[in-house]
Amino acid sequence: MGWFDRFKQKPLAKEEKEKVIRVPRAPEKTAKQIASEKNEPYVAIVTMDIDPNNLHQGAFELDWNEIFIARLVKAGYMMKPTDADSDIVDRWFQNVCRHVVMETWEQDQAMRNSVSGYVHTRDIGDGRTEIS
């Protein structure tokens, strides 16, 4: 018997094996469950698909909780009482996208209407550039 053999773990006897109790681990909570428990709105993009043949076409799959829907209804996104939750969320998402487009357009217009109209760069040597 070698010196290290003393430290090897001995196999459990049959009676000891039967005493081992496996406790299942509780599954971790999702961000949606945590938000719902805190009574907070939750919305997330689950997937995003893009048509490889037409990159201008795509789709988003969203997930949300009831608290988010309640906030959208309160904000006026429900047009009629028969609206499905997905219709309400779709109106909100379209509005968000519209705001992004408008902000981008306004920034573009501001750049076009600026005094200089574009940025001047000049290499001043030694790895430095002057921007005006």
Protein backbone atom coordinates (compact mmCIF):
# COMPACT_ATOMS: atom_id res chain seq x y z
CA MET A 1 0.00 0.00 0.00
CA GLY A 2 1.47 3.31 -1.12
CA TRP A 3 1.57 6.44 0.93
CA PHE A 4 -1.18 8.20 -1.17
CA ASP A 5 -3.50 5.19 -0.97
CA ARG A 6 -4.29 6.14 2.63
CA PHE A 7 -6.11 9.24 1.42
CA LYS A 8 -8.30 7.56 -1.19
CA GLN A 9 -11.97 7.72 -0.42
CA LYS A 10 -13.37 4.35 0.51
CA PRO A 11 -16.48 3.23 -1.39
CA LEU A 12 -19.73 3.63 0.53
CA ALA A 13 -21.32 0.55 2.00
CA LYS A 14 -24.80 -0.38 0.71
CA GLU A 15 -26.46 0.99 3.87
CA GLU A 16 -24.60 4.31 3.51
CA LYS A 17 -25.57 4.63 -0.18
CA GLU A 18 -29.23 4.38 0.74
CA LYS A 19 -28.81 7.22 3.27
CA VAL A 20 -27.74 9.70 0.57
CA ILE A 21 -30.66 11.98 -0.22
CA ARG A 22 -30.66 14.02 -3.40
CA VAL A 23 -32.34 17.40 -3.01
CA PRO A 24 -33.44 18.84 -6.36
CA ARG A 25 -32.22 22.36 -6.95
CA ALA A 26 -34.96 24.93 -7.49
CA PRO A 27 -34.85 26.33 -11.02
CA GLU A 28 -33.50 29.85 -11.29
CA LYS A 29 -36.08 32.57 -11.83
CA THR A 30 -36.25 34.36 -15.14
CA ALA A 31 -35.98 38.13 -15.47
CA LYS A 32 -39.69 38.18 -16.30
CA GLN A 33 -40.57 36.29 -13.10
CA ILE A 34 -38.39 38.58 -11.00
CA ALA A 35 -39.95 41.72 -12.52
CA SER A 36 -43.47 40.35 -12.04
CA GLU A 37 -42.74 39.53 -8.38
CA LYS A 38 -41.50 43.09 -7.88
CA ASN A 39 -44.65 44.41 -9.60
CA GLU A 40 -42.51 45.99 -12.34
CA PRO A 41 -43.16 46.08 -16.09
CA TYR A 42 -41.13 43.69 -18.22
CA VAL A 43 -40.57 43.55 -21.98
CA ALA A 44 -37.72 41.89 -23.86
CA ILE A 45 -36.75 40.88 -27.37
CA VAL A 46 -36.76 37.08 -27.49
CA THR A 47 -35.69 36.63 -31.11
CA MET A 48 -34.96 38.73 -34.15
CA ASP A 49 -35.26 37.29 -37.64
CA ILE A 50 -33.99 38.84 -40.84
CA ASP A 51 -34.80 37.66 -44.36
CA PRO A 52 -31.40 36.77 -45.87
CA ASN A 53 -32.73 37.54 -49.35
CA ASN A 54 -34.11 40.94 -48.35
CA LEU A 55 -32.25 42.54 -45.44
CA HIS A 56 -34.91 45.26 -45.21
CA GLN A 57 -37.42 42.67 -43.97
CA GLY A 58 -37.32 41.27 -40.48
CA ALA A 59 -39.33 40.45 -37.41
CA PHE A 60 -38.98 40.68 -33.65
CA GLU A 61 -40.50 38.33 -31.11
CA LEU A 62 -41.22 40.12 -27.85
CA ASP A 63 -42.09 38.79 -24.40
CA TRP A 64 -43.85 40.85 -21.74
CA ASN A 65 -45.72 40.61 -18.46
CA GLU A 66 -49.20 41.76 -17.49
CA ILE A 67 -47.83 44.80 -15.66
CA PHE A 68 -46.28 46.06 -18.92
CA ILE A 69 -49.65 45.65 -20.67
CA ALA A 70 -51.41 47.53 -17.88
CA ARG A 71 -48.96 50.44 -18.27
CA LEU A 72 -49.51 50.51 -22.05
CA VAL A 73 -53.29 50.51 -21.59
CA LYS A 74 -52.98 53.37 -19.10
CA ALA A 75 -50.77 55.25 -21.62
CA GLY A 76 -53.47 54.96 -24.29
CA TYR A 77 -52.21 52.13 -26.51
CA MET A 78 -55.50 50.21 -26.25
CA MET A 79 -57.82 51.42 -29.01
CA LYS A 80 -60.79 49.14 -28.29
CA PRO A 81 -61.69 46.77 -25.46
CA THR A 82 -61.30 43.75 -27.74
CA ASP A 83 -57.62 44.49 -28.50
CA ALA A 84 -55.34 41.54 -27.86
CA ASP A 85 -52.23 42.10 -25.76
CA SER A 86 -50.12 41.51 -28.87
CA ASP A 87 -51.95 44.34 -30.69
CA ILE A 88 -51.28 46.73 -27.82
CA VAL A 89 -47.59 45.80 -27.68
CA ASP A 90 -47.33 46.07 -31.48
CA ARG A 91 -48.68 49.65 -31.38
CA TRP A 92 -46.14 50.54 -28.71
CA PHE A 93 -43.25 48.91 -30.59
CA GLN A 94 -44.19 50.67 -33.84
CA ASN A 95 -44.26 53.96 -31.95
CA VAL A 96 -40.79 53.31 -30.50
CA CYS A 97 -39.46 52.49 -33.98
CA ARG A 98 -41.09 55.63 -35.39
CA HIS A 99 -39.36 57.76 -32.74
CA VAL A 100 -35.98 56.20 -33.56
CA VAL A 101 -36.46 56.97 -37.26
CA MET A 102 -37.56 60.55 -36.57
CA GLU A 103 -34.64 61.20 -34.24
CA THR A 104 -32.20 59.85 -36.82
CA TRP A 105 -33.81 61.97 -39.55
CA GLU A 106 -33.68 65.12 -37.39
CA GLN A 107 -30.00 64.55 -36.64
CA ASP A 108 -29.31 64.06 -40.34
CA GLN A 109 -31.14 67.27 -41.17
CA ALA A 110 -29.24 69.17 -38.49
CA MET A 111 -25.93 67.96 -39.94
CA ARG A 112 -26.96 68.97 -43.47
CA ASN A 113 -28.07 72.43 -42.33
CA SER A 114 -25.01 73.17 -40.19
CA VAL A 115 -22.74 76.06 -41.17
CA SER A 116 -19.92 73.97 -42.56
CA GLY A 117 -22.01 71.01 -43.66
CA TYR A 118 -19.21 68.52 -43.05
CA VAL A 119 -16.21 67.85 -40.85
CA HIS A 120 -12.72 68.89 -42.00
CA THR A 121 -9.82 66.67 -41.00
CA ARG A 122 -6.17 67.42 -41.57
CA ASP A 123 -3.14 65.25 -40.83
CA ILE A 124 -0.75 67.37 -38.77
CA GLY A 125 1.90 64.67 -38.51
CA ASP A 126 3.27 62.56 -35.71
CA GLY A 127 0.06 60.43 -35.73
CA ARG A 128 -2.15 63.43 -34.90
CA THR A 129 -5.15 64.83 -36.77
CA GLU A 130 -6.80 68.24 -36.60
CA ILE A 131 -10.60 68.17 -36.77
CA SER A 132 -12.65 71.30 -37.40
